[in-house]
Each structure stands twice: as structure tokens, then as C-alpha cells.
Amino acid sequence: MGPSSHAVTSDQLKRDIAATRARLGADLDALVGKINPATAARDRGARVRDTATRALERVTRRRRA
């Protein structure tokens, strides 16, 4: 039986493992950020500020029109 065209070298496996670890690390960091109360509060505050800013801009545009 000859080598398959799907044979993977050890260097390819090492690169794949490193890339998978990096993706999993980024995913884990994102999850921690979502469940951390301080981060959640900061994100919520930013959304509230953005919503208020957009509302103020709409009111200001209507007054000018």
C-alpha cells in the first residue's frame, strides 16, 4: 500500500494544532468577556450611550429641518 494523497506530515499537524489552539484561545477570551460582570456592564453602558447619541442626533436633525 503506497502513501495516500491525504497523508499529513508532522509539521502540518503541528501547524494545525497551533492554529486550533489559537482559535480556541480567542473563543475562550470572548466567552470570558461576555460573562465577566464588569465587562458586561461596560458593554451595556456603551450601548446605552450609543443609543442616546443616535436619538439626540435625530432630534437635532429634525430641529434643523
C-alpha atoms as a PDB file:
ATOM      1  CA  MET A   1       0.000   0.000   0.000  1.00  0.00           C
ATOM      2  CA  GLY A   2       1.524   3.340  -1.075  1.00  0.00           C
ATOM      3  CA  PRO A   3       1.278   6.667   0.714  1.00  0.00           C
ATOM      4  CA  SER A   4      -2.087   8.334   0.427  1.00  0.00           C
ATOM      5  CA  SER A   5      -2.509  11.756  -1.140  1.00  0.00           C
ATOM      6  CA  HIS A   6      -4.176  12.661   2.151  1.00  0.00           C
ATOM      7  CA  ALA A   7      -1.083  11.889   4.210  1.00  0.00           C
ATOM      8  CA  VAL A   8      -0.313  14.659   6.658  1.00  0.00           C
ATOM      9  CA  THR A   9       3.206  15.464   7.751  1.00  0.00           C
ATOM     10  CA  SER A  10       4.098  16.065  11.371  1.00  0.00           C
ATOM     11  CA  ASP A  11       4.855  19.712  10.539  1.00  0.00           C
ATOM     12  CA  GLN A  12       1.367  20.126   9.067  1.00  0.00           C
ATOM     13  CA  LEU A  13      -0.148  18.547  12.158  1.00  0.00           C
ATOM     14  CA  LYS A  14       1.840  20.867  14.417  1.00  0.00           C
ATOM     15  CA  ARG A  15       0.677  23.913  12.424  1.00  0.00           C
ATOM     16  CA  ASP A  16      -2.946  22.718  12.536  1.00  0.00           C
ATOM     17  CA  ILE A  17      -2.745  22.147  16.284  1.00  0.00           C
ATOM     18  CA  ALA A  18      -1.214  25.589  16.857  1.00  0.00           C
ATOM     19  CA  ALA A  19      -3.936  27.240  14.736  1.00  0.00           C
ATOM     20  CA  THR A  20      -6.668  25.339  16.579  1.00  0.00           C
ATOM     21  CA  ARG A  21      -5.226  26.355  19.948  1.00  0.00           C
ATOM     22  CA  ALA A  22      -5.135  29.988  18.845  1.00  0.00           C
ATOM     23  CA  ARG A  23      -8.790  29.873  17.711  1.00  0.00           C
ATOM     24  CA  LEU A  24      -9.891  28.167  20.912  1.00  0.00           C
ATOM     25  CA  GLY A  25      -7.968  30.713  22.985  1.00  0.00           C
ATOM     26  CA  ALA A  26      -9.670  33.592  21.183  1.00  0.00           C
ATOM     27  CA  ASP A  27     -13.072  31.928  21.615  1.00  0.00           C
ATOM     28  CA  LEU A  28     -12.424  31.410  25.324  1.00  0.00           C
ATOM     29  CA  ASP A  29     -11.347  35.032  25.764  1.00  0.00           C
ATOM     30  CA  ALA A  30     -14.556  36.180  24.058  1.00  0.00           C
ATOM     31  CA  LEU A  31     -16.676  33.978  26.327  1.00  0.00           C
ATOM     32  CA  VAL A  32     -14.918  35.217  29.459  1.00  0.00           C
ATOM     33  CA  GLY A  33     -15.532  38.776  28.313  1.00  0.00           C
ATOM     34  CA  LYS A  34     -19.229  38.071  27.950  1.00  0.00           C
ATOM     35  CA  ILE A  35     -19.666  36.552  31.398  1.00  0.00           C
ATOM     36  CA  ASN A  36     -17.438  38.971  33.306  1.00  0.00           C
ATOM     37  CA  PRO A  37     -19.825  41.342  35.153  1.00  0.00           C
ATOM     38  CA  ALA A  38     -17.562  44.376  34.780  1.00  0.00           C
ATOM     39  CA  THR A  39     -17.189  43.804  31.043  1.00  0.00           C
ATOM     40  CA  ALA A  40     -20.924  43.223  30.627  1.00  0.00           C
ATOM     41  CA  ALA A  41     -21.696  46.454  32.490  1.00  0.00           C
ATOM     42  CA  ARG A  42     -19.195  48.417  30.415  1.00  0.00           C
ATOM     43  CA  ASP A  43     -20.615  46.998  27.175  1.00  0.00           C
ATOM     44  CA  ARG A  44     -24.179  47.772  28.288  1.00  0.00           C
ATOM     45  CA  GLY A  45     -23.169  51.327  29.168  1.00  0.00           C
ATOM     46  CA  ALA A  46     -21.590  51.776  25.759  1.00  0.00           C
ATOM     47  CA  ARG A  47     -24.779  50.555  24.039  1.00  0.00           C
ATOM     48  CA  VAL A  48     -26.909  52.938  26.115  1.00  0.00           C
ATOM     49  CA  ARG A  49     -24.612  55.863  25.266  1.00  0.00           C
ATOM     50  CA  ASP A  50     -24.690  54.962  21.565  1.00  0.00           C
ATOM     51  CA  THR A  51     -28.488  54.764  21.582  1.00  0.00           C
ATOM     52  CA  ALA A  52     -28.789  58.121  23.359  1.00  0.00           C
ATOM     53  CA  THR A  53     -26.323  59.738  20.964  1.00  0.00           C
ATOM     54  CA  ARG A  54     -28.248  58.500  17.909  1.00  0.00           C
ATOM     55  CA  ALA A  55     -31.542  59.716  19.396  1.00  0.00           C
ATOM     56  CA  LEU A  56     -30.043  63.150  20.090  1.00  0.00           C
ATOM     57  CA  GLU A  57     -28.695  63.341  16.538  1.00  0.00           C
ATOM     58  CA  ARG A  58     -32.143  62.525  15.121  1.00  0.00           C
ATOM     59  CA  VAL A  59     -33.799  65.214  17.259  1.00  0.00           C
ATOM     60  CA  THR A  60     -31.137  67.739  16.280  1.00  0.00           C
ATOM     61  CA  ARG A  61     -31.596  66.957  12.565  1.00  0.00           C
ATOM     62  CA  ARG A  62     -35.389  67.368  12.860  1.00  0.00           C
ATOM     63  CA  ARG A  63     -34.997  70.781  14.525  1.00  0.00           C
ATOM     64  CA  ARG A  64     -32.794  71.983  11.677  1.00  0.00           C
ATOM     65  CA  ALA A  65     -35.205  70.793   9.005  1.00  0.00           C
END
